[in-house]
Amino acid sequence: MDIQKIINDAVAKLKADDKLLANFRQNPTKVLEKLVGIDLPDDKVDPIVKGILAKLNLDDLADKAQGIVGALGGLFGKK
C-alpha cells in the first residue's frame, strides 16, 4: 500500500469538492474509506488521515502566505 499516493490522491479529490472536504473534516475515517473504496484497518487509517490533514493545512498556509507576501509587495515600491 502506497500511503503517500493515497494521501496525494485524497487531497486532490478533497480540494476539488468543497462538500466532500467539509464531510472529511467532520468524519475523516468514513470519508477516507469511501475515497479509497476499501475498509482500512485502524492502524492504517490514522496515519493516512493525519497525513491528509497535514497536507491540507500546509497547502492552506502556503496560499495564505503567498497572499500576504503579494499584499506586502505593494508597500515597497521599486526605486
N, C-alpha and C. Protein backbone atom coordinates (compact mmCIF):
# COMPACT_ATOMS: atom_id res chain seq x y z
N MET A 1 0.85 -1.17 0.00
CA MET A 1 0.00 0.00 0.00
C MET A 1 0.90 1.24 0.00
N ASP A 2 0.73 2.09 -0.99
CA ASP A 2 1.50 3.32 -1.11
C ASP A 2 0.74 4.45 -0.40
N ILE A 3 1.09 4.69 0.85
CA ILE A 3 0.37 5.66 1.67
C ILE A 3 0.47 7.06 1.08
N GLN A 4 1.65 7.44 0.59
CA GLN A 4 1.82 8.77 0.02
C GLN A 4 0.91 8.98 -1.19
N LYS A 5 0.75 7.95 -2.01
CA LYS A 5 -0.14 8.06 -3.17
C LYS A 5 -1.59 8.21 -2.71
N ILE A 6 -1.98 7.45 -1.70
CA ILE A 6 -3.34 7.57 -1.17
C ILE A 6 -3.58 8.99 -0.65
N ILE A 7 -2.60 9.52 0.08
CA ILE A 7 -2.72 10.88 0.62
C ILE A 7 -2.84 11.90 -0.50
N ASN A 8 -1.96 11.83 -1.48
CA ASN A 8 -1.98 12.79 -2.58
C ASN A 8 -3.28 12.72 -3.38
N ASP A 9 -3.75 11.50 -3.66
CA ASP A 9 -5.00 11.32 -4.40
C ASP A 9 -6.18 11.86 -3.61
N ALA A 10 -6.21 11.56 -2.31
CA ALA A 10 -7.30 12.02 -1.46
C ALA A 10 -7.31 13.54 -1.36
N VAL A 11 -6.15 14.15 -1.20
CA VAL A 11 -6.06 15.61 -1.11
C VAL A 11 -6.57 16.25 -2.39
N ALA A 12 -6.20 15.70 -3.53
CA ALA A 12 -6.67 16.25 -4.81
C ALA A 12 -8.18 16.17 -4.91
N LYS A 13 -8.76 15.05 -4.53
CA LYS A 13 -10.22 14.90 -4.58
C LYS A 13 -10.90 15.83 -3.59
N LEU A 14 -10.34 15.96 -2.40
CA LEU A 14 -10.94 16.82 -1.38
C LEU A 14 -10.90 18.29 -1.79
N LYS A 15 -9.81 18.71 -2.39
CA LYS A 15 -9.68 20.11 -2.83
C LYS A 15 -10.64 20.43 -3.97
N ALA A 16 -11.00 19.42 -4.74
CA ALA A 16 -11.88 19.63 -5.89
C ALA A 16 -13.36 19.66 -5.50
N ASP A 17 -13.68 19.27 -4.26
CA ASP A 17 -15.08 19.15 -3.85
C ASP A 17 -15.24 19.69 -2.43
N ASP A 18 -15.78 20.91 -2.32
CA ASP A 18 -15.92 21.56 -1.01
C ASP A 18 -16.82 20.77 -0.06
N LYS A 19 -17.87 20.17 -0.59
CA LYS A 19 -18.78 19.39 0.25
C LYS A 19 -18.07 18.16 0.81
N LEU A 20 -17.31 17.49 -0.04
CA LEU A 20 -16.56 16.33 0.39
C LEU A 20 -15.52 16.72 1.44
N LEU A 21 -14.87 17.86 1.25
CA LEU A 21 -13.88 18.36 2.21
C LEU A 21 -14.54 18.64 3.55
N ALA A 22 -15.71 19.25 3.54
CA ALA A 22 -16.43 19.52 4.79
C ALA A 22 -16.79 18.21 5.49
N ASN A 23 -17.23 17.23 4.73
CA ASN A 23 -17.55 15.91 5.29
C ASN A 23 -16.31 15.25 5.86
N PHE A 24 -15.18 15.40 5.17
CA PHE A 24 -13.93 14.81 5.64
C PHE A 24 -13.53 15.42 6.98
N ARG A 25 -13.68 16.73 7.10
CA ARG A 25 -13.31 17.40 8.36
C ARG A 25 -14.19 16.93 9.51
N GLN A 26 -15.43 16.53 9.21
CA GLN A 26 -16.34 16.06 10.26
C GLN A 26 -16.11 14.58 10.58
N ASN A 27 -15.87 13.77 9.57
CA ASN A 27 -15.70 12.34 9.78
C ASN A 27 -14.63 11.80 8.83
N PRO A 28 -13.36 12.06 9.14
CA PRO A 28 -12.29 11.73 8.20
C PRO A 28 -12.18 10.24 7.88
N THR A 29 -12.37 9.38 8.85
CA THR A 29 -12.21 7.94 8.62
C THR A 29 -13.23 7.43 7.61
N LYS A 30 -14.48 7.80 7.81
CA LYS A 30 -15.55 7.34 6.92
C LYS A 30 -15.34 7.84 5.49
N VAL A 31 -14.99 9.13 5.36
CA VAL A 31 -14.80 9.70 4.03
C VAL A 31 -13.57 9.10 3.35
N LEU A 32 -12.50 8.90 4.11
CA LEU A 32 -11.30 8.30 3.54
C LEU A 32 -11.59 6.90 3.01
N GLU A 33 -12.29 6.09 3.79
CA GLU A 33 -12.61 4.74 3.34
C GLU A 33 -13.47 4.77 2.09
N LYS A 34 -14.37 5.76 2.00
CA LYS A 34 -15.19 5.90 0.79
C LYS A 34 -14.32 6.30 -0.40
N LEU A 35 -13.37 7.20 -0.17
CA LEU A 35 -12.49 7.65 -1.26
C LEU A 35 -11.62 6.53 -1.81
N VAL A 36 -11.07 5.69 -0.92
CA VAL A 36 -10.18 4.63 -1.38
C VAL A 36 -10.93 3.37 -1.76
N GLY A 37 -12.19 3.30 -1.34
CA GLY A 37 -13.03 2.18 -1.74
C GLY A 37 -12.80 0.89 -0.97
N ILE A 38 -12.07 0.96 0.14
CA ILE A 38 -11.87 -0.23 0.96
C ILE A 38 -11.96 0.12 2.43
N ASP A 39 -12.29 -0.88 3.23
CA ASP A 39 -12.34 -0.71 4.68
C ASP A 39 -10.94 -0.95 5.21
N LEU A 40 -10.30 0.12 5.65
CA LEU A 40 -8.92 0.03 6.11
C LEU A 40 -8.86 -0.28 7.60
N PRO A 41 -7.86 -1.04 8.02
CA PRO A 41 -7.67 -1.26 9.45
C PRO A 41 -7.31 0.04 10.15
N ASP A 42 -7.71 0.16 11.42
CA ASP A 42 -7.49 1.40 12.18
C ASP A 42 -6.02 1.82 12.19
N ASP A 43 -5.11 0.86 12.28
CA ASP A 43 -3.70 1.22 12.33
C ASP A 43 -3.19 1.80 11.02
N LYS A 44 -3.93 1.61 9.93
CA LYS A 44 -3.57 2.19 8.63
C LYS A 44 -4.29 3.52 8.39
N VAL A 45 -5.51 3.64 8.93
CA VAL A 45 -6.31 4.83 8.68
C VAL A 45 -5.72 6.06 9.37
N ASP A 46 -5.35 5.93 10.63
CA ASP A 46 -4.89 7.09 11.39
C ASP A 46 -3.71 7.82 10.75
N PRO A 47 -2.66 7.13 10.34
CA PRO A 47 -1.55 7.87 9.71
C PRO A 47 -1.94 8.53 8.39
N ILE A 48 -2.85 7.91 7.66
CA ILE A 48 -3.28 8.49 6.38
C ILE A 48 -4.10 9.74 6.64
N VAL A 49 -5.03 9.67 7.60
CA VAL A 49 -5.84 10.84 7.95
C VAL A 49 -4.94 11.98 8.42
N LYS A 50 -3.98 11.68 9.26
CA LYS A 50 -3.06 12.71 9.75
C LYS A 50 -2.25 13.31 8.60
N GLY A 51 -1.83 12.48 7.67
CA GLY A 51 -1.08 12.97 6.51
C GLY A 51 -1.92 13.87 5.63
N ILE A 52 -3.19 13.51 5.42
CA ILE A 52 -4.09 14.33 4.61
C ILE A 52 -4.34 15.67 5.30
N LEU A 53 -4.63 15.64 6.59
CA LEU A 53 -4.88 16.88 7.32
C LEU A 53 -3.65 17.78 7.31
N ALA A 54 -2.49 17.20 7.48
CA ALA A 54 -1.25 17.99 7.46
C ALA A 54 -1.05 18.63 6.09
N LYS A 55 -1.26 17.87 5.03
CA LYS A 55 -1.07 18.40 3.68
C LYS A 55 -2.09 19.48 3.38
N LEU A 56 -3.34 19.29 3.77
CA LEU A 56 -4.35 20.31 3.56
C LEU A 56 -4.00 21.58 4.32
N ASN A 57 -3.56 21.45 5.55
CA ASN A 57 -3.19 22.61 6.36
C ASN A 57 -1.97 23.32 5.80
N LEU A 58 -0.97 22.56 5.34
CA LEU A 58 0.22 23.18 4.75
C LEU A 58 -0.12 23.92 3.48
N ASP A 59 -0.98 23.33 2.65
CA ASP A 59 -1.37 23.98 1.41
C ASP A 59 -2.15 25.26 1.70
N ASP A 60 -3.03 25.23 2.70
CA ASP A 60 -3.79 26.42 3.09
C ASP A 60 -2.84 27.51 3.58
N LEU A 61 -1.87 27.13 4.40
CA LEU A 61 -0.89 28.10 4.91
C LEU A 61 -0.07 28.70 3.78
N ALA A 62 0.32 27.88 2.83
CA ALA A 62 1.11 28.37 1.70
C ALA A 62 0.30 29.37 0.88
N ASP A 63 -0.98 29.09 0.65
CA ASP A 63 -1.83 30.02 -0.09
C ASP A 63 -1.97 31.34 0.65
N LYS A 64 -2.17 31.28 1.98
CA LYS A 64 -2.30 32.50 2.77
C LYS A 64 -1.00 33.29 2.77
N ALA A 65 0.12 32.60 2.91
CA ALA A 65 1.42 33.27 2.92
C ALA A 65 1.67 33.97 1.60
N GLN A 66 1.32 33.31 0.51
CA GLN A 66 1.52 33.90 -0.81
C GLN A 66 0.69 35.18 -0.96
N GLY A 67 -0.54 35.16 -0.44
CA GLY A 67 -1.39 36.34 -0.49
C GLY A 67 -0.83 37.48 0.34
N ILE A 68 -0.29 37.16 1.50
CA ILE A 68 0.30 38.17 2.38
C ILE A 68 1.53 38.78 1.75
N VAL A 69 2.39 37.94 1.19
CA VAL A 69 3.60 38.43 0.54
C VAL A 69 3.24 39.33 -0.64
N GLY A 70 2.24 38.94 -1.39
CA GLY A 70 1.80 39.77 -2.52
C GLY A 70 1.29 41.12 -2.05
N ALA A 71 0.52 41.12 -0.97
CA ALA A 71 -0.01 42.38 -0.43
C ALA A 71 1.11 43.26 0.09
N LEU A 72 2.07 42.66 0.74
CA LEU A 72 3.19 43.43 1.28
C LEU A 72 4.08 43.98 0.17
N GLY A 73 4.15 43.27 -0.94
CA GLY A 73 5.00 43.72 -2.05
C GLY A 73 4.58 45.08 -2.55
N GLY A 74 3.31 45.41 -2.46
CA GLY A 74 2.83 46.71 -2.92
C GLY A 74 3.25 47.85 -1.99
N LEU A 75 3.65 47.51 -0.78
CA LEU A 75 4.07 48.54 0.17
C LEU A 75 5.45 49.07 -0.13
N PHE A 76 6.25 48.27 -0.77
CA PHE A 76 7.64 48.64 -1.03
C PHE A 76 7.83 48.83 -2.52
N GLY A 77 7.68 50.06 -2.96
CA GLY A 77 7.81 50.36 -4.38
C GLY A 77 9.26 50.21 -4.83
N LYS A 78 9.44 49.92 -6.10
CA LYS A 78 10.78 49.82 -6.67
C LYS A 78 11.34 51.21 -6.91
N LYS A 79 12.61 51.35 -6.68
CA LYS A 79 13.28 52.64 -6.90
C LYS A 79 14.10 52.60 -8.14
